[in-house]
Each structure stands twice: as C-alpha cells, then as structure tokens.
Amino acid sequence: MAARNPIAQANIPSVKNAHVDIDLSGNGTFAVSTALESQITEVNVSGGDFNTTDLPVLDGTVFTSTGDKQAFEVTVTAVYTDGESPDDLHPLVWAKHGQSNIGLRWKPKGATSRSFSLVGVLFRVMPPNLARNGDILYSFALRGDISAAEA
C-alpha cells in the first residue's frame, strides 16, 4: 500500500478565520454584500441529495434508480441585536423574506480558501427566540443550488 501524505495543520480551517457574507440586493452577484461573521453563530447545510427509488424484483434483486437532485438548504443562526447599528442583520433579512436571488457565501478559511455560495430563495426568517440561558438567537434559511469556487 502506498504511503499517504499527512494533512498539514495549516490546511485545517478554524471557524475563527472563516468569512461569511450575504448579498441582499436581489441580483446574487455579491457586488454589494454584508460580512456576517460578527453576527452569526453557525451556518448549517442540508439537502442536495438525489431522489432514489428502489424496485425489488421477484428474485430478490433490488434495482435503484436515481431521480432529480433536491435543492440545498442553508440555515444561518445569528445573534439578535436591536438597534445596535443600521447594519443589524435581522431587519435586513426580514425585509427580504420570500425574495429570490438572495446570495450567501462562506469561506472556511477566510479569503484564502475555497468558497461556497448559494443564490436562491430566502424562504425562512424567524423572529428571535428567548432562552433561559440568556441567548437571544434567530435563524434564516435559503434554498437553492450551491456552487464552489477556488479563491
């Protein structure tokens, strides 16, 4: 068996140097975007699976066919601020709820890494939750296809 190259510690991203930005302009080009890393706690990605159908035949063999690809869903959890600045994120996304061509881009290692972006529909904007531990968080989500690009 051939020896494998070890992964360099410098190539393992840290959330502390990640970069996340949103384009609420409605054109999805990121020409005008807002940096989010100072207001968010996480970015979660789901979906993108292919629909499959299993067809069992009489001899016990199962044939699996692949159908359409499902959209990706990206959910962002953010800290709710109320009047901190004109750049408070919640009122900005609340005003765009239901609109398409909204873009979200995230780079695991800041400006020097591969970036992932989704331009799609801003289909969910939640009001803030109140938690016993004092956290006041909310979430918003976009649905569409994800593209990846080298920085």
N, C-alpha and C. Protein backbone atom coordinates (compact mmCIF):
# COMPACT_ATOMS: atom_id res chain seq x y z
N MET A 1 0.83 -1.16 0.00
CA MET A 1 0.00 0.00 0.00
C MET A 1 0.89 1.24 0.00
N ALA A 2 0.54 2.20 -0.84
CA ALA A 2 1.32 3.43 -0.95
C ALA A 2 1.14 4.30 0.29
N ALA A 3 2.23 4.99 0.65
CA ALA A 3 2.16 5.91 1.80
C ALA A 3 1.30 7.12 1.43
N ARG A 4 0.58 7.59 2.39
CA ARG A 4 -0.26 8.76 2.18
C ARG A 4 0.41 9.98 2.80
N ASN A 5 0.17 11.11 2.16
CA ASN A 5 0.70 12.35 2.70
C ASN A 5 -0.16 12.79 3.87
N PRO A 6 0.46 13.21 4.97
CA PRO A 6 -0.34 13.68 6.11
C PRO A 6 -0.98 15.04 5.78
N ILE A 7 -2.06 15.33 6.43
CA ILE A 7 -2.72 16.62 6.27
C ILE A 7 -1.98 17.64 7.11
N ALA A 8 -1.62 18.76 6.50
CA ALA A 8 -0.92 19.82 7.22
C ALA A 8 -1.89 20.56 8.14
N GLN A 9 -1.43 20.86 9.34
CA GLN A 9 -2.27 21.57 10.31
C GLN A 9 -2.76 22.90 9.74
N ALA A 10 -1.94 23.57 8.94
CA ALA A 10 -2.32 24.87 8.36
C ALA A 10 -3.51 24.76 7.41
N ASN A 11 -3.78 23.57 6.89
CA ASN A 11 -4.88 23.38 5.95
C ASN A 11 -6.19 22.99 6.62
N ILE A 12 -6.19 22.87 7.94
CA ILE A 12 -7.42 22.56 8.66
C ILE A 12 -8.04 23.89 9.08
N PRO A 13 -9.22 24.21 8.51
CA PRO A 13 -9.82 25.51 8.82
C PRO A 13 -10.26 25.62 10.27
N SER A 14 -10.34 26.84 10.73
CA SER A 14 -10.88 27.16 12.05
C SER A 14 -12.04 28.12 11.84
N VAL A 15 -13.09 27.96 12.61
CA VAL A 15 -14.24 28.85 12.47
C VAL A 15 -13.84 30.29 12.78
N LYS A 16 -12.76 30.49 13.52
CA LYS A 16 -12.32 31.84 13.87
C LYS A 16 -11.82 32.64 12.67
N ASN A 17 -11.37 31.97 11.61
CA ASN A 17 -10.92 32.73 10.43
C ASN A 17 -11.81 32.48 9.22
N ALA A 18 -13.02 32.02 9.47
CA ALA A 18 -13.99 31.84 8.38
C ALA A 18 -14.57 33.20 8.00
N HIS A 19 -15.04 33.29 6.78
CA HIS A 19 -15.68 34.51 6.30
C HIS A 19 -17.04 34.14 5.72
N VAL A 20 -18.08 34.88 6.11
CA VAL A 20 -19.43 34.66 5.62
C VAL A 20 -19.99 36.01 5.21
N ASP A 21 -20.58 36.07 4.01
CA ASP A 21 -21.24 37.30 3.62
C ASP A 21 -22.54 37.02 2.88
N ILE A 22 -23.42 38.03 2.86
CA ILE A 22 -24.74 37.89 2.26
C ILE A 22 -24.95 39.03 1.28
N ASP A 23 -25.61 38.70 0.17
CA ASP A 23 -25.98 39.69 -0.84
C ASP A 23 -27.50 39.78 -0.85
N LEU A 24 -28.02 40.87 -0.29
CA LEU A 24 -29.47 41.07 -0.21
C LEU A 24 -29.99 41.97 -1.33
N SER A 25 -29.13 42.27 -2.32
CA SER A 25 -29.52 43.20 -3.38
C SER A 25 -30.56 42.63 -4.33
N GLY A 26 -30.65 41.30 -4.38
CA GLY A 26 -31.58 40.66 -5.30
C GLY A 26 -30.97 40.33 -6.64
N ASN A 27 -29.66 40.59 -6.82
CA ASN A 27 -29.02 40.22 -8.08
C ASN A 27 -28.07 39.04 -7.93
N GLY A 28 -27.74 38.64 -6.71
CA GLY A 28 -26.96 37.43 -6.46
C GLY A 28 -25.54 37.45 -6.97
N THR A 29 -24.95 38.62 -7.16
CA THR A 29 -23.59 38.70 -7.70
C THR A 29 -22.53 38.96 -6.64
N PHE A 30 -22.92 39.31 -5.44
CA PHE A 30 -22.04 39.67 -4.33
C PHE A 30 -21.25 40.94 -4.60
N ALA A 31 -21.70 41.74 -5.58
CA ALA A 31 -21.06 43.04 -5.83
C ALA A 31 -21.26 43.95 -4.62
N VAL A 32 -22.41 43.84 -3.97
CA VAL A 32 -22.70 44.56 -2.73
C VAL A 32 -23.09 43.51 -1.71
N SER A 33 -22.23 43.30 -0.72
CA SER A 33 -22.53 42.26 0.27
C SER A 33 -22.17 42.76 1.66
N THR A 34 -22.72 42.08 2.65
CA THR A 34 -22.51 42.42 4.05
C THR A 34 -21.82 41.26 4.74
N ALA A 35 -20.70 41.53 5.42
CA ALA A 35 -20.00 40.50 6.18
C ALA A 35 -20.82 40.13 7.40
N LEU A 36 -20.90 38.84 7.69
CA LEU A 36 -21.77 38.36 8.77
C LEU A 36 -21.06 37.75 9.97
N GLU A 37 -19.78 37.45 9.85
CA GLU A 37 -19.16 36.64 10.90
C GLU A 37 -19.25 37.26 12.29
N SER A 38 -19.43 38.58 12.39
CA SER A 38 -19.54 39.19 13.72
C SER A 38 -20.95 39.07 14.29
N GLN A 39 -21.93 38.58 13.51
CA GLN A 39 -23.31 38.50 13.99
C GLN A 39 -23.87 37.08 14.02
N ILE A 40 -23.15 36.09 13.48
CA ILE A 40 -23.71 34.74 13.36
C ILE A 40 -22.98 33.76 14.25
N THR A 41 -23.68 32.67 14.59
CA THR A 41 -23.08 31.62 15.40
C THR A 41 -22.81 30.34 14.61
N GLU A 42 -23.55 30.13 13.51
CA GLU A 42 -23.30 28.94 12.70
C GLU A 42 -24.00 29.01 11.35
N VAL A 43 -23.46 28.23 10.42
CA VAL A 43 -24.04 28.04 9.09
C VAL A 43 -24.20 26.54 8.91
N ASN A 44 -25.44 26.08 8.72
CA ASN A 44 -25.72 24.65 8.55
C ASN A 44 -26.23 24.39 7.14
N VAL A 45 -25.68 23.35 6.51
CA VAL A 45 -26.05 22.98 5.15
C VAL A 45 -26.72 21.62 5.16
N SER A 46 -27.84 21.51 4.45
CA SER A 46 -28.52 20.22 4.30
C SER A 46 -29.08 20.12 2.89
N GLY A 47 -29.57 18.94 2.57
CA GLY A 47 -30.16 18.73 1.25
C GLY A 47 -29.13 18.38 0.20
N GLY A 48 -29.50 18.59 -1.07
CA GLY A 48 -28.61 18.27 -2.17
C GLY A 48 -28.58 16.80 -2.54
N ASP A 49 -29.40 15.99 -1.89
CA ASP A 49 -29.44 14.56 -2.19
C ASP A 49 -30.21 14.32 -3.49
N PHE A 50 -29.94 13.20 -4.09
CA PHE A 50 -30.73 12.77 -5.25
C PHE A 50 -31.89 11.91 -4.77
N ASN A 51 -33.06 12.12 -5.33
CA ASN A 51 -34.18 11.24 -5.04
C ASN A 51 -33.87 9.87 -5.62
N THR A 52 -34.19 8.83 -4.87
CA THR A 52 -33.95 7.47 -5.35
C THR A 52 -35.22 6.64 -5.17
N THR A 53 -35.34 5.65 -6.02
CA THR A 53 -36.45 4.71 -5.94
C THR A 53 -35.89 3.30 -6.02
N ASP A 54 -36.30 2.44 -5.10
CA ASP A 54 -35.88 1.04 -5.13
C ASP A 54 -36.98 0.21 -5.77
N LEU A 55 -36.57 -0.65 -6.69
CA LEU A 55 -37.51 -1.53 -7.38
C LEU A 55 -37.08 -2.97 -7.15
N PRO A 56 -37.69 -3.65 -6.15
CA PRO A 56 -37.33 -5.06 -5.92
C PRO A 56 -38.03 -5.96 -6.94
N VAL A 57 -37.29 -6.92 -7.47
CA VAL A 57 -37.88 -7.88 -8.40
C VAL A 57 -38.03 -9.22 -7.71
N LEU A 58 -38.70 -10.16 -8.36
CA LEU A 58 -39.08 -11.41 -7.71
C LEU A 58 -37.90 -12.26 -7.22
N ASP A 59 -36.73 -12.16 -7.87
CA ASP A 59 -35.61 -12.99 -7.43
C ASP A 59 -34.84 -12.39 -6.26
N GLY A 60 -35.32 -11.25 -5.72
CA GLY A 60 -34.69 -10.64 -4.56
C GLY A 60 -33.72 -9.51 -4.90
N THR A 61 -33.42 -9.34 -6.16
CA THR A 61 -32.55 -8.26 -6.57
C THR A 61 -33.30 -6.93 -6.44
N VAL A 62 -32.58 -5.91 -6.04
CA VAL A 62 -33.19 -4.58 -5.93
C VAL A 62 -32.45 -3.65 -6.88
N PHE A 63 -33.21 -3.02 -7.75
CA PHE A 63 -32.67 -2.03 -8.66
C PHE A 63 -32.98 -0.65 -8.07
N THR A 64 -31.98 0.21 -8.04
CA THR A 64 -32.16 1.57 -7.53
C THR A 64 -31.99 2.55 -8.67
N SER A 65 -32.98 3.39 -8.85
CA SER A 65 -32.88 4.41 -9.88
C SER A 65 -32.72 5.78 -9.21
N THR A 66 -32.03 6.66 -9.89
CA THR A 66 -31.77 8.00 -9.38
C THR A 66 -32.63 8.99 -10.11
N GLY A 67 -33.27 9.86 -9.36
CA GLY A 67 -34.13 10.88 -9.94
C GLY A 67 -33.50 12.25 -9.85
N ASP A 68 -34.33 13.24 -9.65
CA ASP A 68 -33.88 14.62 -9.60
C ASP A 68 -33.09 14.91 -8.33
N LYS A 69 -32.22 15.92 -8.43
CA LYS A 69 -31.45 16.37 -7.27
C LYS A 69 -32.29 17.38 -6.49
N GLN A 70 -32.34 17.21 -5.18
CA GLN A 70 -33.06 18.14 -4.31
C GLN A 70 -32.24 19.42 -4.12
N ALA A 71 -32.91 20.49 -3.82
CA ALA A 71 -32.22 21.75 -3.54
C ALA A 71 -31.46 21.65 -2.23
N PHE A 72 -30.43 22.46 -2.10
CA PHE A 72 -29.72 22.60 -0.83
C PHE A 72 -30.48 23.60 0.02
N GLU A 73 -30.34 23.46 1.32
CA GLU A 73 -30.91 24.41 2.25
C GLU A 73 -29.79 24.84 3.19
N VAL A 74 -29.58 26.14 3.30
CA VAL A 74 -28.56 26.68 4.19
C VAL A 74 -29.26 27.51 5.25
N THR A 75 -29.06 27.10 6.51
CA THR A 75 -29.67 27.80 7.64
C THR A 75 -28.58 28.51 8.43
N VAL A 76 -28.78 29.79 8.66
CA VAL A 76 -27.84 30.61 9.41
C VAL A 76 -28.48 30.96 10.75
N THR A 77 -27.74 30.75 11.82
CA THR A 77 -28.20 31.15 13.15
C THR A 77 -27.41 32.40 13.54
N ALA A 78 -28.13 33.41 14.01
CA ALA A 78 -27.50 34.70 14.29
C ALA A 78 -27.91 35.22 15.65
N VAL A 79 -27.07 36.11 16.18
CA VAL A 79 -27.36 36.80 17.43
C VAL A 79 -28.29 37.96 17.11
N TYR A 80 -29.36 38.05 17.87
CA TYR A 80 -30.31 39.13 17.65
C TYR A 80 -29.81 40.39 18.34
N THR A 81 -29.74 41.48 17.60
CA THR A 81 -29.43 42.78 18.18
C THR A 81 -30.59 43.70 17.84
N ASP A 82 -30.84 44.63 18.69
CA ASP A 82 -31.98 45.51 18.49
C ASP A 82 -31.50 46.95 18.55
N GLY A 83 -31.20 47.51 17.38
CA GLY A 83 -30.77 48.89 17.32
C GLY A 83 -29.29 49.09 17.54
N GLU A 84 -28.50 48.02 17.43
CA GLU A 84 -27.06 48.14 17.61
C GLU A 84 -26.46 49.07 16.55
N SER A 85 -26.91 48.92 15.33
CA SER A 85 -26.41 49.75 14.23
C SER A 85 -27.38 49.65 13.06
N PRO A 86 -27.21 50.50 12.06
CA PRO A 86 -28.07 50.38 10.87
C PRO A 86 -27.83 49.05 10.12
N ASP A 87 -26.73 48.37 10.46
CA ASP A 87 -26.40 47.10 9.81
C ASP A 87 -26.92 45.89 10.58
N ASP A 88 -27.81 46.08 11.55
CA ASP A 88 -28.41 44.94 12.24
C ASP A 88 -28.97 43.99 11.19
N LEU A 89 -28.60 42.74 11.27
CA LEU A 89 -28.95 41.79 10.23
C LEU A 89 -30.43 41.43 10.20
N HIS A 90 -31.05 41.27 11.36
CA HIS A 90 -32.43 40.78 11.38
C HIS A 90 -33.39 41.67 10.59
N PRO A 91 -33.41 42.99 10.76
CA PRO A 91 -34.33 43.79 9.96
C PRO A 91 -34.02 43.73 8.46
N LEU A 92 -32.75 43.56 8.13
CA LEU A 92 -32.37 43.49 6.71
C LEU A 92 -32.92 42.22 6.05
N VAL A 93 -32.75 41.05 6.72
CA VAL A 93 -33.26 39.81 6.12
C VAL A 93 -34.77 39.74 6.24
N TRP A 94 -35.35 40.30 7.31
CA TRP A 94 -36.80 40.31 7.47
C TRP A 94 -37.46 41.04 6.30
N ALA A 95 -36.85 42.12 5.85
CA ALA A 95 -37.39 42.90 4.73
C ALA A 95 -37.30 42.16 3.41
N LYS A 96 -36.42 41.17 3.30
CA LYS A 96 -36.23 40.42 2.06
C LYS A 96 -36.87 39.04 2.08
N HIS A 97 -37.58 38.71 3.17
CA HIS A 97 -38.21 37.39 3.33
C HIS A 97 -39.09 37.08 2.12
N GLY A 98 -38.89 35.92 1.52
CA GLY A 98 -39.68 35.47 0.38
C GLY A 98 -39.11 35.86 -0.97
N GLN A 99 -38.03 36.61 -0.99
CA GLN A 99 -37.46 37.06 -2.26
C GLN A 99 -36.43 36.06 -2.78
N SER A 100 -36.23 36.10 -4.09
CA SER A 100 -35.25 35.21 -4.72
C SER A 100 -34.01 36.00 -5.10
N ASN A 101 -33.03 35.29 -5.60
CA ASN A 101 -31.72 35.84 -5.96
C ASN A 101 -31.01 36.48 -4.77
N ILE A 102 -31.24 35.93 -3.60
CA ILE A 102 -30.50 36.34 -2.41
C ILE A 102 -29.29 35.42 -2.31
N GLY A 103 -28.12 35.97 -2.08
CA GLY A 103 -26.91 35.17 -2.07
C GLY A 103 -26.28 35.05 -0.70
N LEU A 104 -25.76 33.88 -0.40
CA LEU A 104 -24.99 33.64 0.81
C LEU A 104 -23.70 32.95 0.40
N ARG A 105 -22.57 33.46 0.89
CA ARG A 105 -21.27 32.89 0.53
C ARG A 105 -20.48 32.67 1.82
N TRP A 106 -19.82 31.52 1.92
CA TRP A 106 -19.00 31.24 3.08
C TRP A 106 -17.69 30.62 2.64
N LYS A 107 -16.62 31.04 3.36
CA LYS A 107 -15.26 30.57 3.09
C LYS A 107 -14.70 30.03 4.40
N PRO A 108 -14.46 28.75 4.50
CA PRO A 108 -13.98 28.17 5.76
C PRO A 108 -12.67 28.75 6.28
N LYS A 109 -11.80 29.25 5.40
CA LYS A 109 -10.52 29.80 5.86
C LYS A 109 -10.38 31.26 5.45
N GLY A 110 -11.43 32.02 5.54
CA GLY A 110 -11.34 33.44 5.20
C GLY A 110 -11.16 33.65 3.71
N ALA A 111 -10.34 34.59 3.35
CA ALA A 111 -10.20 34.97 1.94
C ALA A 111 -9.29 34.03 1.16
N THR A 112 -8.61 33.10 1.82
CA THR A 112 -7.62 32.28 1.14
C THR A 112 -8.08 30.85 0.86
N SER A 113 -9.38 30.60 0.92
CA SER A 113 -9.82 29.23 0.73
C SER A 113 -10.89 29.14 -0.34
N ARG A 114 -11.27 27.93 -0.58
CA ARG A 114 -12.39 27.66 -1.48
C ARG A 114 -13.64 28.28 -0.88
N SER A 115 -14.45 28.91 -1.71
CA SER A 115 -15.69 29.49 -1.21
C SER A 115 -16.87 28.70 -1.74
N PHE A 116 -17.93 28.68 -0.96
CA PHE A 116 -19.17 28.03 -1.32
C PHE A 116 -20.24 29.11 -1.34
N SER A 117 -21.09 29.09 -2.33
CA SER A 117 -22.14 30.10 -2.39
C SER A 117 -23.45 29.48 -2.84
N LEU A 118 -24.51 30.08 -2.35
CA LEU A 118 -25.85 29.69 -2.73
C LEU A 118 -26.60 30.98 -3.08
N VAL A 119 -27.18 31.01 -4.25
CA VAL A 119 -28.06 32.11 -4.64
C VAL A 119 -29.43 31.48 -4.83
N GLY A 120 -30.37 31.91 -4.02
CA GLY A 120 -31.68 31.28 -4.06
C GLY A 120 -32.74 32.09 -3.35
N VAL A 121 -33.74 31.38 -2.84
CA VAL A 121 -34.89 32.00 -2.20
C VAL A 121 -34.65 32.08 -0.69
N LEU A 122 -34.86 33.26 -0.13
CA LEU A 122 -34.82 33.45 1.32
C LEU A 122 -36.20 33.06 1.84
N PHE A 123 -36.37 31.77 2.14
CA PHE A 123 -37.71 31.24 2.42
C PHE A 123 -38.08 31.23 3.90
N ARG A 124 -37.10 31.44 4.78
CA ARG A 124 -37.40 31.42 6.21
C ARG A 124 -36.65 32.54 6.91
N VAL A 125 -37.37 33.35 7.68
CA VAL A 125 -36.77 34.32 8.60
C VAL A 125 -37.58 34.22 9.89
N MET A 126 -36.93 33.78 10.93
CA MET A 126 -37.62 33.57 12.20
C MET A 126 -37.46 34.79 13.10
N PRO A 127 -38.47 35.08 13.92
CA PRO A 127 -38.28 36.10 14.95
C PRO A 127 -37.33 35.55 16.01
N PRO A 128 -36.79 36.39 16.88
CA PRO A 128 -35.82 35.91 17.87
C PRO A 128 -36.46 34.97 18.90
N ASN A 129 -35.66 33.97 19.31
CA ASN A 129 -36.05 33.06 20.39
C ASN A 129 -35.52 33.62 21.70
N LEU A 130 -36.23 33.37 22.77
CA LEU A 130 -35.75 33.73 24.10
C LEU A 130 -35.42 32.44 24.85
N ALA A 131 -34.21 32.36 25.36
CA ALA A 131 -33.77 31.14 26.05
C ALA A 131 -33.44 31.45 27.50
N ARG A 132 -33.59 30.45 28.34
CA ARG A 132 -33.33 30.61 29.78
C ARG A 132 -31.89 31.00 30.06
N ASN A 133 -30.97 30.56 29.21
CA ASN A 133 -29.55 30.87 29.44
C ASN A 133 -29.20 32.29 29.00
N GLY A 134 -30.18 33.04 28.48
CA GLY A 134 -29.94 34.43 28.12
C GLY A 134 -29.66 34.66 26.65
N ASP A 135 -29.41 33.60 25.88
CA ASP A 135 -29.14 33.77 24.46
C ASP A 135 -30.40 34.22 23.74
N ILE A 136 -30.27 35.20 22.89
CA ILE A 136 -31.38 35.62 22.03
C ILE A 136 -30.90 35.46 20.60
N LEU A 137 -31.32 34.36 20.00
CA LEU A 137 -30.88 33.98 18.66
C LEU A 137 -32.08 33.88 17.73
N TYR A 138 -31.81 33.95 16.44
CA TYR A 138 -32.84 33.72 15.42
C TYR A 138 -32.15 33.03 14.25
N SER A 139 -32.94 32.57 13.31
CA SER A 139 -32.36 31.91 12.14
C SER A 139 -33.07 32.38 10.88
N PHE A 140 -32.33 32.23 9.78
CA PHE A 140 -32.92 32.44 8.46
C PHE A 140 -32.34 31.38 7.54
N ALA A 141 -33.06 31.08 6.47
CA ALA A 141 -32.63 30.00 5.60
C ALA A 141 -32.89 30.34 4.14
N LEU A 142 -31.99 29.86 3.29
CA LEU A 142 -32.10 30.00 1.86
C LEU A 142 -32.14 28.63 1.23
N ARG A 143 -32.80 28.52 0.09
CA ARG A 143 -32.89 27.27 -0.64
C ARG A 143 -32.49 27.52 -2.09
N GLY A 144 -31.63 26.66 -2.61
CA GLY A 144 -31.17 26.77 -4.00
C GLY A 144 -30.06 25.78 -4.25
N ASP A 145 -29.23 26.07 -5.24
CA ASP A 145 -28.11 25.19 -5.58
C ASP A 145 -26.83 25.84 -5.09
N ILE A 146 -25.86 25.03 -4.71
CA ILE A 146 -24.59 25.52 -4.19
C ILE A 146 -23.53 25.38 -5.26
N SER A 147 -22.70 26.41 -5.37
CA SER A 147 -21.54 26.34 -6.25
C SER A 147 -20.30 26.55 -5.41
N ALA A 148 -19.19 26.00 -5.88
CA ALA A 148 -17.91 26.14 -5.18
C ALA A 148 -16.90 26.75 -6.14
N ALA A 149 -16.03 27.60 -5.59
CA ALA A 149 -15.01 28.25 -6.42
C ALA A 149 -13.72 28.35 -5.62
N GLU A 150 -12.62 28.27 -6.32
CA GLU A 150 -11.32 28.44 -5.70
C GLU A 150 -11.03 29.94 -5.57
N ALA A 151 -10.48 30.34 -4.41
CA ALA A 151 -10.18 31.76 -4.17
C ALA A 151 -8.91 32.15 -4.89
